[in-house]
Amino acid sequence: MKMNKPDRRTEITRQSIYNALIDLMQEKKYSNITIQEIIDRANVGRSTFYSHFDTKDELLKSCIENVFELLNDHFIKYIEETGNQTRFVPIAELLEHIMANSRKIRGIMSTESADLVFDKFRSYWNIKVEKYLEGRLPKNKEPRVPLAILTNHITSTMIELFKWWLNHNTPYTPQQMDQYFQELIYPLLGEF
């Protein structure tokens, strides 16, 4: 990204370019999308595109970061509003947010680029999960499973549930998925 603090017009232009990419990703493989198709769909000039992004990959990266900012903002808001840190991860709230922003988030998470998105998602949540686990770890006691392995396992479980839920057209409510996740995870944490 080239600009630090965009003005309103810049934000509208960037959003138009994001939307064009998301729309195209739902129609064809990311690797087959051209910059010309993006600028045609966004109704912007080539120089306008390049004033915001150097490459199509940079646009995708920015789009993914935008999705994570939305999810992170929602997660932080949930913690601040409820003070609820008893559940491991507020899965229901994250899935509700995905459903409410389904065009943007689900569009990116259910395309050929989903693996890239989920890899970034894994990195992001590994940090959050590890901090949570470190806070629960009794002093002077080593966990039975190394923290890095447990963190990876929990994050992988969450990601695979998200993938399954999206790939099966959300057959369960976010609240049910939250309950299933908690049922899968809490036995692992019982003697942690």
Protein backbone atom coordinates (compact mmCIF):
# COMPACT_ATOMS: atom_id res chain seq x y z
CA MET A 1 0.00 0.00 0.00
CA LYS A 2 1.30 3.38 -0.91
CA MET A 3 -0.88 5.78 1.08
CA ASN A 4 -0.85 6.09 4.85
CA LYS A 5 -3.99 8.05 5.77
CA PRO A 6 -6.53 7.94 2.95
CA ASP A 7 -9.23 10.57 2.55
CA ARG A 8 -12.87 9.75 1.86
CA ARG A 9 -12.47 9.71 -1.94
CA THR A 10 -9.47 7.44 -1.64
CA GLU A 11 -11.40 5.08 0.62
CA ILE A 12 -14.31 4.96 -1.84
CA THR A 13 -11.92 4.18 -4.70
CA ARG A 14 -10.11 1.48 -2.71
CA GLN A 15 -13.44 -0.05 -1.69
CA SER A 16 -14.52 -0.12 -5.32
CA ILE A 17 -11.29 -1.92 -6.25
CA TYR A 18 -11.70 -4.38 -3.32
CA ASN A 19 -15.29 -5.10 -4.37
CA ALA A 20 -14.24 -5.65 -7.97
CA LEU A 21 -11.63 -8.21 -6.91
CA ILE A 22 -14.07 -9.98 -4.57
CA ASP A 23 -16.74 -10.14 -7.28
CA LEU A 24 -14.27 -11.51 -9.80
CA MET A 25 -12.92 -14.08 -7.33
CA GLN A 26 -16.43 -15.49 -7.04
CA GLU A 27 -16.59 -15.87 -10.81
CA LYS A 28 -13.16 -17.26 -11.65
CA LYS A 29 -9.84 -18.37 -10.23
CA TYR A 30 -7.69 -15.65 -8.73
CA SER A 31 -4.78 -16.63 -10.97
CA ASN A 32 -6.96 -16.03 -14.05
CA ILE A 33 -8.06 -12.53 -13.02
CA THR A 34 -6.28 -9.70 -14.80
CA ILE A 35 -5.69 -6.18 -13.58
CA GLN A 36 -7.63 -4.98 -16.62
CA GLU A 37 -10.68 -6.94 -15.44
CA ILE A 38 -10.33 -5.45 -11.97
CA ILE A 39 -10.12 -1.87 -13.22
CA ASP A 40 -13.00 -2.42 -15.66
CA ARG A 41 -15.19 -3.84 -12.89
CA ALA A 42 -14.16 -1.11 -10.44
CA ASN A 43 -14.65 1.55 -13.12
CA VAL A 44 -11.29 3.15 -12.41
CA GLY A 45 -8.35 3.95 -14.63
CA ARG A 46 -5.14 1.94 -14.75
CA SER A 47 -3.16 4.80 -13.24
CA THR A 48 -5.70 5.00 -10.40
CA PHE A 49 -5.26 1.29 -9.69
CA TYR A 50 -1.47 1.64 -9.65
CA SER A 51 -1.64 4.69 -7.40
CA HIS A 52 -3.16 2.37 -4.77
CA PHE A 53 -1.55 -1.02 -5.47
CA ASP A 54 1.64 -2.12 -7.22
CA THR A 55 0.31 -5.57 -8.14
CA LYS A 56 -2.77 -7.76 -8.05
CA ASP A 57 -1.13 -9.73 -5.23
CA GLU A 58 -0.70 -6.56 -3.19
CA LEU A 59 -4.42 -5.85 -3.71
CA LEU A 60 -5.30 -9.34 -2.48
CA LYS A 61 -3.03 -8.95 0.54
CA SER A 62 -4.64 -5.60 1.35
CA CYS A 63 -8.09 -7.13 0.94
CA ILE A 64 -7.20 -9.94 3.35
CA GLU A 65 -5.75 -7.48 5.86
CA ASN A 66 -8.96 -5.48 5.62
CA VAL A 67 -10.98 -8.59 6.48
CA PHE A 68 -8.74 -9.32 9.48
CA GLU A 69 -9.08 -5.75 10.69
CA LEU A 70 -12.86 -6.20 10.61
CA LEU A 71 -12.66 -9.49 12.51
CA ASN A 72 -10.14 -8.15 15.01
CA ASP A 73 -12.19 -5.00 15.62
CA HIS A 74 -15.25 -7.16 16.16
CA PHE A 75 -13.37 -9.48 18.55
CA ILE A 76 -12.01 -6.57 20.60
CA LYS A 77 -15.45 -4.93 20.70
CA TYR A 78 -16.97 -8.21 21.94
CA ILE A 79 -14.42 -8.50 24.77
CA GLU A 80 -14.82 -4.84 25.74
CA GLU A 81 -18.63 -4.92 25.71
CA THR A 82 -19.11 -8.22 27.48
CA GLY A 83 -15.93 -8.59 29.49
CA ASN A 84 -16.45 -12.25 28.62
CA GLN A 85 -13.19 -14.09 28.61
CA THR A 86 -14.65 -17.31 29.96
CA ARG A 87 -15.18 -18.85 26.54
CA PHE A 88 -12.00 -19.76 24.77
CA VAL A 89 -12.73 -17.86 21.56
CA PRO A 90 -16.07 -16.16 20.77
CA ILE A 91 -16.75 -18.36 17.74
CA ALA A 92 -20.45 -17.49 17.55
CA GLU A 93 -19.71 -13.79 17.39
CA LEU A 94 -17.03 -14.25 14.73
CA LEU A 95 -19.32 -16.43 12.61
CA GLU A 96 -22.19 -13.96 13.02
CA HIS A 97 -19.85 -11.23 11.83
CA ILE A 98 -18.85 -13.37 8.85
CA MET A 99 -22.52 -13.89 8.01
CA ALA A 100 -23.30 -10.17 8.38
CA ASN A 101 -20.42 -9.31 6.06
CA SER A 102 -20.83 -12.41 3.98
CA ARG A 103 -20.20 -10.87 0.60
CA LYS A 104 -16.79 -9.57 1.59
CA ILE A 105 -15.56 -12.16 4.07
CA ARG A 106 -17.18 -15.30 2.73
CA GLY A 107 -16.25 -14.25 -0.78
CA ILE A 108 -12.57 -14.27 0.09
CA MET A 109 -12.70 -17.32 2.34
CA SER A 110 -14.48 -19.54 -0.15
CA THR A 111 -12.35 -19.05 -3.25
CA GLU A 112 -9.13 -20.46 -4.66
CA SER A 113 -7.26 -18.03 -2.41
CA ALA A 114 -8.88 -19.45 0.74
CA ASP A 115 -5.71 -21.31 1.74
CA LEU A 116 -3.77 -18.05 1.75
CA VAL A 117 -6.50 -16.41 3.81
CA PHE A 118 -6.64 -19.28 6.28
CA ASP A 119 -2.83 -19.33 6.61
CA LYS A 120 -2.94 -15.67 7.62
CA PHE A 121 -5.90 -16.43 9.86
CA ARG A 122 -3.88 -19.21 11.52
CA SER A 123 -0.92 -16.90 12.15
CA TYR A 124 -3.20 -14.26 13.63
CA TRP A 125 -5.07 -16.66 15.94
CA ASN A 126 -1.93 -18.56 16.97
CA ILE A 127 -0.79 -15.37 18.70
CA LYS A 128 -4.15 -14.84 20.44
CA VAL A 129 -4.46 -18.49 21.49
CA GLU A 130 -0.90 -18.67 22.79
CA LYS A 131 -1.44 -15.55 24.93
CA TYR A 132 -4.64 -17.06 26.31
CA LEU A 133 -2.90 -20.34 27.15
CA GLU A 134 0.09 -18.60 28.73
CA GLY A 135 -2.36 -16.79 31.02
CA ARG A 136 -3.87 -20.12 32.13
CA LEU A 137 -0.57 -21.93 32.63
CA PRO A 138 0.11 -22.54 36.34
CA LYS A 139 3.41 -21.14 37.52
CA ASN A 140 6.24 -23.65 37.88
CA LYS A 141 4.31 -26.33 35.99
CA GLU A 142 5.16 -27.52 32.51
CA PRO A 143 2.19 -28.35 30.30
CA ARG A 144 1.80 -32.00 29.30
CA VAL A 145 1.84 -30.94 25.66
CA PRO A 146 4.25 -28.22 24.50
CA LEU A 147 2.49 -24.89 24.22
CA ALA A 148 3.35 -24.45 20.53
CA ILE A 149 1.79 -27.81 19.64
CA LEU A 150 -1.35 -27.17 21.69
CA THR A 151 -1.71 -23.69 20.20
CA ASN A 152 -1.39 -25.04 16.67
CA HIS A 153 -3.90 -27.80 17.38
CA ILE A 154 -6.53 -25.44 18.78
CA THR A 155 -6.10 -22.91 15.99
CA SER A 156 -6.23 -25.67 13.37
CA THR A 157 -9.45 -27.00 14.90
CA MET A 158 -11.01 -23.55 14.73
CA ILE A 159 -9.95 -23.01 11.13
CA GLU A 160 -11.14 -26.42 10.00
CA LEU A 161 -14.53 -25.80 11.64
CA PHE A 162 -14.78 -22.46 9.83
CA LYS A 163 -13.86 -24.09 6.51
CA TRP A 164 -16.32 -26.92 7.03
CA TRP A 165 -19.08 -24.50 8.00
CA LEU A 166 -18.52 -22.30 4.92
CA ASN A 167 -18.07 -25.23 2.52
CA HIS A 168 -21.32 -26.82 3.71
CA ASN A 169 -23.37 -23.63 3.36
CA THR A 170 -23.54 -22.88 7.09
CA PRO A 171 -25.81 -25.79 8.15
CA TYR A 172 -25.57 -24.91 11.84
CA THR A 173 -26.09 -21.62 13.59
CA PRO A 174 -23.07 -19.69 14.81
CA GLN A 175 -24.15 -20.53 18.37
CA GLN A 176 -24.19 -24.26 17.60
CA MET A 177 -20.76 -24.05 15.98
CA ASP A 178 -19.49 -22.18 19.04
CA GLN A 179 -20.81 -24.94 21.29
CA TYR A 180 -19.21 -27.65 19.13
CA PHE A 181 -15.88 -25.82 19.17
CA GLN A 182 -15.98 -25.42 22.96
CA GLU A 183 -16.84 -29.15 23.29
CA LEU A 184 -13.84 -30.06 21.17
CA ILE A 185 -11.40 -27.72 22.90
CA TYR A 186 -12.23 -27.73 26.60
CA PRO A 187 -11.32 -31.41 27.16
CA LEU A 188 -7.84 -30.51 25.90
CA LEU A 189 -7.61 -27.70 28.41
CA GLY A 190 -9.03 -29.60 31.38
CA GLU A 191 -5.69 -30.51 32.89
CA PHE A 192 -3.61 -27.92 31.13
